[in-house]
Every structure is written in C-alpha cells, then in structure tokens.
C-alpha cells in the first residue's frame, strides 16, 4: 500500500523548521553582540564629532549706548516708574484670533523680538510704554521692515512706543518731556 504524497506547503514548512533548528545559538548571540558593538561605535563617533558648546553669563545686559541712555532715563524717571530692559514683545501683548493659524503667524513674528526698555508701574509691574533706541542699523532694509512691524503692532494695540535716536549723550530733561507726553506719572 502506498502512502499518499505530502503537500508541497507542508514540505516547505518542514524545511524552514529544520533550518531554524539548525541555527547555532552562539551565532545568534554573536550577531546581537556585533549589532550592539556597531550601535555603540555609532554613538561614540557622534559624541566626538559634535562641536563643543560653551555657555557663560554676560557681563551686562546693555550695550554701552543702551547703558548711557538707561542712566539718562533713570534720572528722568526719578524712581516714579520701573525701567525694564530687553523685554520680549510677545510678553507685552495677548495675540488672539478666530483663526489659530493667523494667531500663530503673528505670534511667531514677535516671539523672538524685544524692545530695548519698558516703563512699568512700580506697584503692579503694569507696562505703560516701550522705548526703542534707533541706531544706524535701523537704516538697513531688514531693520526698517522690523520697525514698521513694531510700529503697526504697537499702534493696533494702542500701546505707546517711544523711539529715540542714539546719541553720544542724552538729556534727561528731553527724555522726561517725551515720556510725559505718553505716560502720566
């Protein structure tokens, strides 16, 4: 009596099982160890190829020109208001819109920009006016575009932005007069 023939898919499965059974366990261990060594080498090479970054504190928040203006402004204000420096514009305004993409676009345009000084109420830190010093860099096209953006933004928000040209010396009296025009102290 002849035995029926075995279907081909059963033969293929049996051959695969025999191949799996014939794999040496040490070969599997060595493959995984080799892969681990390669991954470790990749991490070590990446570590040594990355440039070193050094971080250290600045000596002062203000440039020499800003420091001169700050001293004259401080004399002009005479302790009636607080003077804050390098205030991020996004911290001065709430940006809202029915369109999240429009709100995000405007926020991105101001998120990394700052004004030189902000005058704030000493009791509650309520911002009252912003001050920008305009030096020769404000003649560049990119700076003019930034200045137009700020002027438009501050105007729409009905928040005073006082611009001063940089100078070798500043008159506290002139600064006080300009500030008094927009802020009642």
N, C-alpha and C. Protein backbone atom coordinates (compact mmCIF):
# COMPACT_ATOMS: atom_id res chain seq x y z
N UNK A 1 0.84 -1.16 0.00
CA UNK A 1 0.00 0.00 0.00
C UNK A 1 0.89 1.23 0.00
N UNK A 2 0.59 2.18 -0.85
CA UNK A 2 1.40 3.39 -1.00
C UNK A 2 0.81 4.49 -0.12
N UNK A 3 1.74 5.20 0.44
CA UNK A 3 1.32 6.35 1.27
C UNK A 3 1.00 7.53 0.38
N UNK A 4 -0.03 8.28 0.78
CA UNK A 4 -0.35 9.45 -0.04
C UNK A 4 0.80 10.46 0.01
N UNK A 5 0.97 11.20 -1.06
CA UNK A 5 2.08 12.17 -1.10
C UNK A 5 1.76 13.35 -0.19
N UNK A 6 2.83 13.96 0.34
CA UNK A 6 2.71 15.10 1.27
C UNK A 6 2.60 16.38 0.44
N UNK A 7 1.64 17.26 0.79
CA UNK A 7 1.51 18.50 0.03
C UNK A 7 2.79 19.32 0.11
N UNK A 8 3.06 20.13 -0.92
CA UNK A 8 4.31 20.88 -1.02
C UNK A 8 4.43 21.94 0.07
N UNK A 9 3.33 22.57 0.50
CA UNK A 9 3.44 23.62 1.51
C UNK A 9 3.87 23.03 2.85
N UNK A 10 3.51 21.79 3.10
CA UNK A 10 3.92 21.13 4.34
C UNK A 10 5.42 20.85 4.27
N UNK A 11 5.91 20.44 3.09
CA UNK A 11 7.34 20.19 2.93
C UNK A 11 8.13 21.46 3.15
N UNK A 12 7.65 22.62 2.58
CA UNK A 12 8.36 23.89 2.74
C UNK A 12 8.42 24.30 4.21
N UNK A 13 7.29 24.13 4.92
CA UNK A 13 7.25 24.49 6.33
C UNK A 13 8.20 23.60 7.13
N UNK A 14 8.26 22.34 6.80
CA UNK A 14 9.15 21.41 7.49
C UNK A 14 10.59 21.80 7.23
N UNK A 15 10.93 22.19 5.98
CA UNK A 15 12.30 22.61 5.67
C UNK A 15 12.67 23.87 6.46
N UNK A 16 11.74 24.81 6.58
CA UNK A 16 12.01 26.04 7.32
C UNK A 16 12.25 25.72 8.77
N UNK A 17 11.45 24.83 9.34
CA UNK A 17 11.63 24.45 10.75
C UNK A 17 12.98 23.78 10.95
N UNK A 18 13.39 22.98 10.00
CA UNK A 18 14.68 22.31 10.12
C UNK A 18 15.82 23.31 10.05
N UNK A 19 15.64 24.37 9.21
CA UNK A 19 16.69 25.40 9.10
C UNK A 19 16.78 26.17 10.41
N UNK A 20 15.64 26.50 11.02
CA UNK A 20 15.64 27.24 12.28
C UNK A 20 16.27 26.39 13.36
N UNK A 21 15.97 25.13 13.38
CA UNK A 21 16.54 24.25 14.38
C UNK A 21 18.03 24.07 14.19
N UNK A 22 18.53 24.25 12.96
CA UNK A 22 19.94 24.02 12.72
C UNK A 22 20.80 25.27 12.94
N UNK A 23 20.19 26.44 13.30
CA UNK A 23 20.97 27.65 13.58
C UNK A 23 21.63 27.50 14.94
N UNK A 24 22.91 27.78 14.92
CA UNK A 24 23.70 27.68 16.15
C UNK A 24 23.34 28.84 17.09
N UNK A 25 22.98 28.57 18.34
CA UNK A 25 22.61 29.65 19.28
C UNK A 25 23.75 30.64 19.49
N UNK A 26 24.98 30.19 19.41
CA UNK A 26 26.12 31.11 19.58
C UNK A 26 26.22 32.09 18.42
N UNK A 27 25.79 31.67 17.25
CA UNK A 27 25.80 32.58 16.10
C UNK A 27 24.79 33.71 16.32
N UNK A 28 23.64 33.38 16.89
CA UNK A 28 22.63 34.40 17.19
C UNK A 28 23.18 35.38 18.22
N UNK A 29 23.80 34.85 19.26
CA UNK A 29 24.37 35.70 20.31
C UNK A 29 25.43 36.61 19.70
N UNK A 30 26.30 36.07 18.87
CA UNK A 30 27.36 36.87 18.24
C UNK A 30 26.78 37.95 17.32
N UNK A 31 25.70 37.64 16.61
CA UNK A 31 25.06 38.64 15.74
C UNK A 31 24.53 39.81 16.57
N UNK A 32 23.83 39.49 17.67
CA UNK A 32 23.31 40.55 18.52
C UNK A 32 24.43 41.34 19.18
N UNK A 33 25.49 40.66 19.60
CA UNK A 33 26.63 41.36 20.20
C UNK A 33 27.29 42.27 19.17
N UNK A 34 27.44 41.79 17.94
CA UNK A 34 28.02 42.60 16.87
C UNK A 34 27.18 43.83 16.59
N UNK A 35 25.86 43.65 16.54
CA UNK A 35 24.97 44.80 16.31
C UNK A 35 25.08 45.79 17.45
N UNK A 36 25.19 45.30 18.68
CA UNK A 36 25.34 46.18 19.84
C UNK A 36 26.63 46.97 19.77
N UNK A 37 27.72 46.31 19.37
CA UNK A 37 29.01 47.00 19.25
C UNK A 37 28.93 48.07 18.17
N UNK A 38 28.30 47.76 17.05
CA UNK A 38 28.16 48.75 15.96
C UNK A 38 27.35 49.96 16.45
N UNK A 39 26.25 49.73 17.15
CA UNK A 39 25.44 50.84 17.67
C UNK A 39 26.24 51.67 18.68
N UNK A 40 27.01 51.00 19.52
CA UNK A 40 27.85 51.71 20.48
C UNK A 40 28.90 52.56 19.77
N UNK A 41 29.52 52.03 18.74
CA UNK A 41 30.50 52.79 17.96
C UNK A 41 29.87 54.02 17.30
N UNK A 42 28.67 53.86 16.79
CA UNK A 42 27.98 54.99 16.17
C UNK A 42 27.75 56.09 17.20
N UNK A 43 27.32 55.73 18.40
CA UNK A 43 27.10 56.74 19.45
C UNK A 43 28.40 57.41 19.86
N UNK A 44 29.48 56.65 19.98
CA UNK A 44 30.77 57.24 20.37
C UNK A 44 31.26 58.20 19.30
N UNK A 45 31.15 57.80 18.04
CA UNK A 45 31.59 58.67 16.94
C UNK A 45 30.75 59.94 16.91
N UNK A 46 29.43 59.82 17.06
CA UNK A 46 28.57 61.02 17.09
C UNK A 46 28.97 61.94 18.24
N UNK A 47 29.26 61.37 19.40
CA UNK A 47 29.63 62.18 20.57
C UNK A 47 30.89 62.99 20.28
N UNK A 48 31.90 62.36 19.70
CA UNK A 48 33.16 63.06 19.46
C UNK A 48 33.12 64.00 18.26
N UNK A 49 32.18 63.80 17.35
CA UNK A 49 32.08 64.67 16.18
C UNK A 49 31.24 65.92 16.45
N UNK A 50 30.46 65.93 17.53
CA UNK A 50 29.65 67.11 17.84
C UNK A 50 30.54 68.21 18.38
N UNK A 51 30.33 69.44 17.90
CA UNK A 51 31.15 70.55 18.40
C UNK A 51 30.83 70.85 19.86
N UNK A 52 31.83 71.30 20.57
CA UNK A 52 31.65 71.68 21.96
C UNK A 52 31.00 73.06 22.01
N UNK A 53 30.02 73.21 22.85
CA UNK A 53 29.33 74.48 23.02
C UNK A 53 29.62 74.99 24.42
N UNK A 54 30.04 76.23 24.51
CA UNK A 54 30.33 76.84 25.80
C UNK A 54 29.28 77.88 26.11
N UNK A 55 28.82 77.93 27.33
CA UNK A 55 27.82 78.90 27.76
C UNK A 55 28.37 79.61 28.99
N UNK A 56 28.30 80.94 28.95
CA UNK A 56 28.77 81.72 30.09
C UNK A 56 27.91 82.97 30.22
N UNK A 57 27.80 83.49 31.42
CA UNK A 57 26.96 84.68 31.60
C UNK A 57 27.58 85.92 30.97
N UNK A 58 26.71 86.86 30.58
CA UNK A 58 27.18 88.12 30.01
C UNK A 58 27.62 89.04 31.15
N UNK A 59 28.47 90.01 30.82
CA UNK A 59 28.91 90.97 31.82
C UNK A 59 27.82 92.00 32.12
N UNK A 60 27.03 92.35 31.11
CA UNK A 60 25.96 93.32 31.28
C UNK A 60 24.86 93.06 30.26
N UNK A 61 23.64 93.42 30.60
CA UNK A 61 22.53 93.24 29.67
C UNK A 61 22.52 94.29 28.58
N UNK A 62 23.17 95.42 28.83
CA UNK A 62 23.07 96.55 27.93
C UNK A 62 24.37 96.82 27.19
N UNK A 63 24.24 97.31 25.97
CA UNK A 63 25.41 97.80 25.25
C UNK A 63 25.83 99.12 25.89
N UNK A 64 26.98 99.63 25.51
CA UNK A 64 27.45 100.90 26.07
C UNK A 64 26.46 102.03 25.75
N UNK A 65 25.93 102.05 24.54
CA UNK A 65 24.96 103.08 24.15
C UNK A 65 23.68 102.94 24.97
N UNK A 66 23.19 101.71 25.11
CA UNK A 66 21.99 101.48 25.91
C UNK A 66 22.22 101.86 27.37
N UNK A 67 23.41 101.60 27.90
CA UNK A 67 23.74 101.95 29.28
C UNK A 67 23.69 103.46 29.49
N UNK A 68 24.24 104.23 28.53
CA UNK A 68 24.18 105.69 28.62
C UNK A 68 22.74 106.17 28.62
N UNK A 69 21.94 105.60 27.72
CA UNK A 69 20.53 106.00 27.67
C UNK A 69 19.82 105.61 28.95
N UNK A 70 20.08 104.41 29.46
CA UNK A 70 19.45 103.94 30.69
C UNK A 70 19.73 104.91 31.85
N UNK A 71 20.96 105.36 31.96
CA UNK A 71 21.31 106.28 33.05
C UNK A 71 20.54 107.59 32.93
N UNK A 72 20.43 108.12 31.70
CA UNK A 72 19.67 109.36 31.49
C UNK A 72 18.18 109.11 31.74
N UNK A 73 17.66 107.98 31.30
CA UNK A 73 16.26 107.63 31.53
C UNK A 73 15.98 107.48 33.01
N UNK A 74 16.88 106.86 33.73
CA UNK A 74 16.74 106.66 35.17
C UNK A 74 16.68 108.01 35.89
N UNK A 75 17.52 108.94 35.45
CA UNK A 75 17.49 110.29 36.03
C UNK A 75 16.17 110.97 35.70
N UNK A 76 15.71 110.83 34.46
CA UNK A 76 14.46 111.47 34.03
C UNK A 76 13.25 110.91 34.78
N UNK A 77 13.20 109.61 34.97
CA UNK A 77 12.06 108.95 35.61
C UNK A 77 12.09 109.18 37.12
N UNK A 78 13.28 109.28 37.68
CA UNK A 78 13.48 109.60 39.09
C UNK A 78 12.70 108.67 40.03
N UNK A 79 12.71 107.38 39.72
CA UNK A 79 12.09 106.40 40.60
C UNK A 79 10.58 106.32 40.53
N UNK A 80 9.95 107.10 39.68
CA UNK A 80 8.47 107.09 39.60
C UNK A 80 7.95 105.86 38.88
N UNK A 81 8.77 105.30 38.00
CA UNK A 81 8.41 104.09 37.27
C UNK A 81 9.59 103.12 37.32
N UNK A 82 9.31 101.86 37.03
CA UNK A 82 10.38 100.88 36.89
C UNK A 82 10.83 100.85 35.44
N UNK A 83 12.12 100.67 35.25
CA UNK A 83 12.68 100.55 33.90
C UNK A 83 13.11 99.10 33.71
N UNK A 84 12.48 98.43 32.78
CA UNK A 84 12.82 97.04 32.46
C UNK A 84 13.55 97.04 31.12
N UNK A 85 14.56 96.22 31.01
CA UNK A 85 15.31 96.19 29.75
C UNK A 85 15.14 94.85 29.05
N UNK A 86 15.25 94.91 27.71
CA UNK A 86 15.20 93.73 26.84
C UNK A 86 13.95 92.89 27.09
N UNK A 87 12.81 93.52 27.02
CA UNK A 87 11.54 92.83 27.25
C UNK A 87 11.04 92.25 25.94
N UNK A 88 10.69 90.98 25.98
CA UNK A 88 10.19 90.29 24.79
C UNK A 88 8.82 90.85 24.42
N UNK A 89 8.64 91.18 23.16
CA UNK A 89 7.39 91.79 22.70
C UNK A 89 6.20 90.86 22.94
N UNK A 90 6.41 89.57 22.78
CA UNK A 90 5.32 88.62 23.00
C UNK A 90 4.84 88.62 24.44
N UNK A 91 5.65 89.14 25.36
CA UNK A 91 5.23 89.24 26.76
C UNK A 91 4.46 90.52 27.04
N UNK A 92 4.40 91.41 26.08
CA UNK A 92 3.66 92.66 26.25
C UNK A 92 2.23 92.58 25.73
N UNK A 93 1.96 91.63 24.83
CA UNK A 93 0.66 91.58 24.16
C UNK A 93 0.04 90.19 24.23
N UNK A 94 -1.29 90.16 24.27
CA UNK A 94 -2.05 88.93 24.07
C UNK A 94 -2.41 88.90 22.60
N UNK A 95 -2.07 87.83 21.91
CA UNK A 95 -2.41 87.70 20.50
C UNK A 95 -3.58 86.73 20.39
N UNK A 96 -4.69 87.22 19.87
CA UNK A 96 -5.89 86.37 19.74
C UNK A 96 -6.43 86.48 18.32
N UNK A 97 -7.11 85.43 17.90
CA UNK A 97 -7.74 85.41 16.59
C UNK A 97 -8.69 84.23 16.53
N UNK A 98 -9.72 84.35 15.71
CA UNK A 98 -10.61 83.22 15.47
C UNK A 98 -9.89 82.14 14.67
N UNK A 99 -8.85 82.56 13.95
CA UNK A 99 -8.06 81.61 13.15
C UNK A 99 -6.78 81.26 13.89
N UNK A 100 -6.64 80.01 14.32
CA UNK A 100 -5.40 79.63 15.01
C UNK A 100 -4.15 79.84 14.16
N UNK A 101 -4.25 79.63 12.86
CA UNK A 101 -3.06 79.80 12.02
C UNK A 101 -2.67 81.27 11.93
N UNK A 102 -3.65 82.17 11.87
CA UNK A 102 -3.35 83.61 11.84
C UNK A 102 -2.74 84.05 13.16
N UNK A 103 -3.30 83.57 14.27
CA UNK A 103 -2.76 83.90 15.58
C UNK A 103 -1.32 83.40 15.71
N UNK A 104 -1.08 82.19 15.26
CA UNK A 104 0.26 81.60 15.34
C UNK A 104 1.25 82.38 14.47
N UNK A 105 0.81 82.80 13.29
CA UNK A 105 1.67 83.57 12.38
C UNK A 105 2.11 84.87 13.03
N UNK A 106 1.17 85.59 13.64
CA UNK A 106 1.51 86.85 14.30
C UNK A 106 2.40 86.59 15.51
N UNK A 107 2.06 85.58 16.29
CA UNK A 107 2.88 85.28 17.47
C UNK A 107 4.31 84.94 17.07
N UNK A 108 4.46 84.13 16.02
CA UNK A 108 5.82 83.77 15.56
C UNK A 108 6.60 85.01 15.14
N UNK A 109 5.90 85.99 14.56
CA UNK A 109 6.59 87.19 14.08
C UNK A 109 7.11 88.06 15.21
N UNK A 110 6.56 87.90 16.42
CA UNK A 110 7.02 88.72 17.55
C UNK A 110 7.69 87.93 18.66
N UNK A 111 7.64 86.62 18.60
CA UNK A 111 8.10 85.78 19.71
C UNK A 111 9.57 85.99 20.06
N UNK A 112 10.41 86.25 19.08
CA UNK A 112 11.85 86.38 19.33
C UNK A 112 12.33 87.83 19.26
N UNK A 113 11.42 88.77 19.27
CA UNK A 113 11.81 90.18 19.20
C UNK A 113 11.64 90.81 20.58
N UNK A 114 12.43 91.81 20.85
CA UNK A 114 12.31 92.52 22.12
C UNK A 114 12.42 94.02 21.89
N UNK A 115 11.97 94.79 22.86
CA UNK A 115 12.18 96.23 22.85
C UNK A 115 13.30 96.52 23.84
N UNK A 116 13.96 97.66 23.63
CA UNK A 116 15.10 97.98 24.48
C UNK A 116 14.70 98.20 25.94
N UNK A 117 13.62 98.98 26.15
CA UNK A 117 13.18 99.26 27.51
C UNK A 117 11.66 99.28 27.58
N UNK A 118 11.14 98.96 28.76
CA UNK A 118 9.71 99.11 29.04
C UNK A 118 9.60 99.87 30.35
N UNK A 119 8.74 100.87 30.36
CA UNK A 119 8.43 101.60 31.59
C UNK A 119 7.21 100.94 32.20
N UNK A 120 7.31 100.58 33.48
CA UNK A 120 6.22 99.85 34.14
C UNK A 120 5.86 100.53 35.45
N UNK A 121 4.60 100.37 35.84
CA UNK A 121 4.13 100.86 37.12
C UNK A 121 4.88 100.12 38.23
N UNK A 122 5.40 100.86 39.19
CA UNK A 122 6.21 100.26 40.25
C UNK A 122 5.39 99.37 41.18
N UNK A 123 4.10 99.63 41.31
CA UNK A 123 3.28 98.87 42.25
C UNK A 123 2.87 97.51 41.72
N UNK A 124 2.52 97.43 40.42
CA UNK A 124 1.98 96.18 39.90
C UNK A 124 2.67 95.69 38.62
N UNK A 125 3.74 96.35 38.23
CA UNK A 125 4.51 95.99 37.02
C UNK A 125 3.68 96.06 35.74
N UNK A 126 2.61 96.84 35.75
CA UNK A 126 1.81 97.01 34.54
C UNK A 126 2.62 97.81 33.53
N UNK A 127 2.84 97.26 32.34
CA UNK A 127 3.61 98.00 31.32
C UNK A 127 2.85 99.25 30.88
N UNK A 128 3.57 100.37 30.79
CA UNK A 128 2.95 101.64 30.42
C UNK A 128 3.43 102.16 29.07
N UNK A 129 4.68 101.89 28.72
CA UNK A 129 5.23 102.35 27.44
C UNK A 129 6.49 101.55 27.14
N UNK A 130 6.78 101.44 25.85
CA UNK A 130 8.00 100.78 25.40
C UNK A 130 8.91 101.82 24.78
N UNK A 131 10.20 101.58 24.87
CA UNK A 131 11.19 102.51 24.32
C UNK A 131 12.14 101.72 23.42
N UNK A 132 12.38 102.27 22.24
CA UNK A 132 13.34 101.70 21.29
C UNK A 132 14.41 102.74 21.00
N UNK A 133 15.65 102.32 21.03
CA UNK A 133 16.76 103.17 20.60
C UNK A 133 17.06 102.83 19.15
N UNK A 134 17.06 103.84 18.31
CA UNK A 134 17.32 103.62 16.88
C UNK A 134 18.73 104.08 16.54
N UNK A 135 19.60 103.12 16.25
CA UNK A 135 20.95 103.46 15.82
C UNK A 135 21.04 103.36 14.31
N UNK A 136 22.24 103.43 13.77
CA UNK A 136 22.40 103.43 12.31
C UNK A 136 21.93 102.12 11.67
N UNK A 137 21.88 101.04 12.43
CA UNK A 137 21.42 99.76 11.86
C UNK A 137 19.94 99.84 11.45
N UNK A 138 19.22 100.79 11.98
CA UNK A 138 17.80 100.92 11.64
C UNK A 138 17.59 101.49 10.24
N UNK A 139 18.69 101.81 9.54
CA UNK A 139 18.59 102.24 8.14
C UNK A 139 18.59 101.05 7.18
N UNK A 140 19.01 99.88 7.67
CA UNK A 140 19.01 98.68 6.83
C UNK A 140 17.58 98.27 6.51
N UNK A 141 17.41 97.65 5.37
CA UNK A 141 16.07 97.24 4.91
C UNK A 141 15.40 96.28 5.90
N UNK A 142 16.15 95.30 6.41
CA UNK A 142 15.55 94.34 7.34
C UNK A 142 15.13 95.00 8.64
N UNK A 143 15.91 95.97 9.10
CA UNK A 143 15.55 96.69 10.33
C UNK A 143 14.37 97.63 10.10
N UNK A 144 14.31 98.26 8.93
CA UNK A 144 13.16 99.12 8.62
C UNK A 144 11.88 98.29 8.59
N UNK A 145 11.98 97.10 8.02
CA UNK A 145 10.81 96.22 7.97
C UNK A 145 10.39 95.82 9.39
N UNK A 146 11.36 95.50 10.24
CA UNK A 146 11.07 95.16 11.64
C UNK A 146 10.44 96.36 12.34
N UNK A 147 10.99 97.56 12.13
CA UNK A 147 10.45 98.77 12.76
C UNK A 147 9.01 99.04 12.31
N UNK A 148 8.72 98.82 11.03
CA UNK A 148 7.36 99.00 10.54
C UNK A 148 6.41 98.01 11.19
N UNK A 149 6.85 96.76 11.34
CA UNK A 149 6.05 95.74 12.01
C UNK A 149 5.75 96.18 13.45
N UNK A 150 6.78 96.64 14.16
CA UNK A 150 6.58 97.07 15.55
C UNK A 150 5.67 98.28 15.64
N UNK A 151 5.90 99.26 14.78
CA UNK A 151 5.06 100.46 14.80
C UNK A 151 3.59 100.09 14.58
N UNK A 152 3.33 99.21 13.61
CA UNK A 152 1.97 98.77 13.31
C UNK A 152 1.38 98.00 14.50
N UNK A 153 2.15 97.10 15.06
CA UNK A 153 1.69 96.29 16.18
C UNK A 153 1.36 97.16 17.39
N UNK A 154 2.26 98.06 17.75
CA UNK A 154 2.03 98.92 18.91
C UNK A 154 0.84 99.86 18.67
N UNK A 155 0.69 100.33 17.44
CA UNK A 155 -0.44 101.21 17.13
C UNK A 155 -1.75 100.44 17.25
N UNK A 156 -1.81 99.22 16.71
CA UNK A 156 -3.03 98.41 16.79
C UNK A 156 -3.39 98.09 18.24
N UNK A 157 -2.37 97.89 19.06
CA UNK A 157 -2.61 97.55 20.46
C UNK A 157 -2.85 98.79 21.32
N UNK A 158 -2.72 99.97 20.72
CA UNK A 158 -2.86 101.24 21.45
C UNK A 158 -1.92 101.27 22.65
N UNK A 159 -0.68 100.85 22.40
CA UNK A 159 0.35 100.84 23.44
C UNK A 159 1.48 101.75 22.98
N UNK A 160 1.87 102.72 23.81
CA UNK A 160 2.87 103.70 23.37
C UNK A 160 4.26 103.07 23.11
N UNK A 161 4.82 103.42 21.97
CA UNK A 161 6.20 103.06 21.63
C UNK A 161 6.94 104.37 21.36
N UNK A 162 7.92 104.65 22.20
CA UNK A 162 8.67 105.90 22.08
C UNK A 162 10.02 105.56 21.46
N UNK A 163 10.35 106.24 20.37
CA UNK A 163 11.62 106.00 19.70
C UNK A 163 12.58 107.16 19.98
N UNK A 164 13.82 106.80 20.28
CA UNK A 164 14.88 107.78 20.48
C UNK A 164 16.03 107.42 19.55
N UNK A 165 16.65 108.42 18.96
CA UNK A 165 17.86 108.18 18.17
C UNK A 165 19.03 108.04 19.13
N UNK A 166 19.95 107.16 18.80
CA UNK A 166 21.13 107.02 19.63
C UNK A 166 21.97 108.29 19.52
N UNK A 167 22.68 108.59 20.60
CA UNK A 167 23.49 109.80 20.64
C UNK A 167 24.68 109.57 21.57
N UNK A 168 25.64 110.46 21.49
CA UNK A 168 26.81 110.37 22.36
C UNK A 168 26.43 110.69 23.80
N UNK A 169 25.44 111.58 23.97
CA UNK A 169 24.95 111.94 25.30
C UNK A 169 23.44 112.18 25.20
N UNK A 170 22.75 112.01 26.32
CA UNK A 170 21.30 112.18 26.34
C UNK A 170 20.91 113.20 27.40
N UNK A 171 19.88 113.96 27.10
CA UNK A 171 19.37 114.95 28.05
C UNK A 171 18.23 114.32 28.85
N UNK A 172 18.40 114.16 30.15
CA UNK A 172 17.31 113.61 30.96
C UNK A 172 16.04 114.45 30.86
N UNK A 173 16.19 115.76 30.74
CA UNK A 173 15.02 116.64 30.63
C UNK A 173 14.25 116.36 29.34
N UNK A 174 14.94 116.21 28.23
CA UNK A 174 14.29 115.91 26.95
C UNK A 174 13.60 114.53 27.02
N UNK A 175 14.27 113.57 27.64
CA UNK A 175 13.67 112.23 27.79
C UNK A 175 12.41 112.33 28.65
N UNK A 176 12.47 113.07 29.74
CA UNK A 176 11.32 113.23 30.62
C UNK A 176 10.14 113.85 29.87
N UNK A 177 10.40 114.86 29.06
CA UNK A 177 9.34 115.50 28.29
C UNK A 177 8.69 114.52 27.32
N UNK A 178 9.50 113.73 26.63
CA UNK A 178 8.95 112.75 25.67
C UNK A 178 8.14 111.69 26.39
N UNK A 179 8.61 111.24 27.53
CA UNK A 179 7.89 110.21 28.30
C UNK A 179 6.59 110.79 28.85
N UNK A 180 6.63 112.02 29.36
CA UNK A 180 5.43 112.66 29.91
C UNK A 180 4.34 112.85 28.87
N UNK A 181 4.71 112.95 27.59
CA UNK A 181 3.71 113.08 26.52
C UNK A 181 2.81 111.86 26.43
N UNK A 182 3.33 110.69 26.78
CA UNK A 182 2.55 109.46 26.60
C UNK A 182 2.22 108.76 27.91
N UNK A 183 2.96 109.04 28.97
CA UNK A 183 2.73 108.38 30.26
C UNK A 183 2.52 109.46 31.31
N UNK A 184 1.40 109.41 31.99
CA UNK A 184 1.15 110.35 33.07
C UNK A 184 1.70 109.78 34.37
N UNK A 185 2.77 110.39 34.84
CA UNK A 185 3.40 109.90 36.07
C UNK A 185 3.04 110.77 37.25
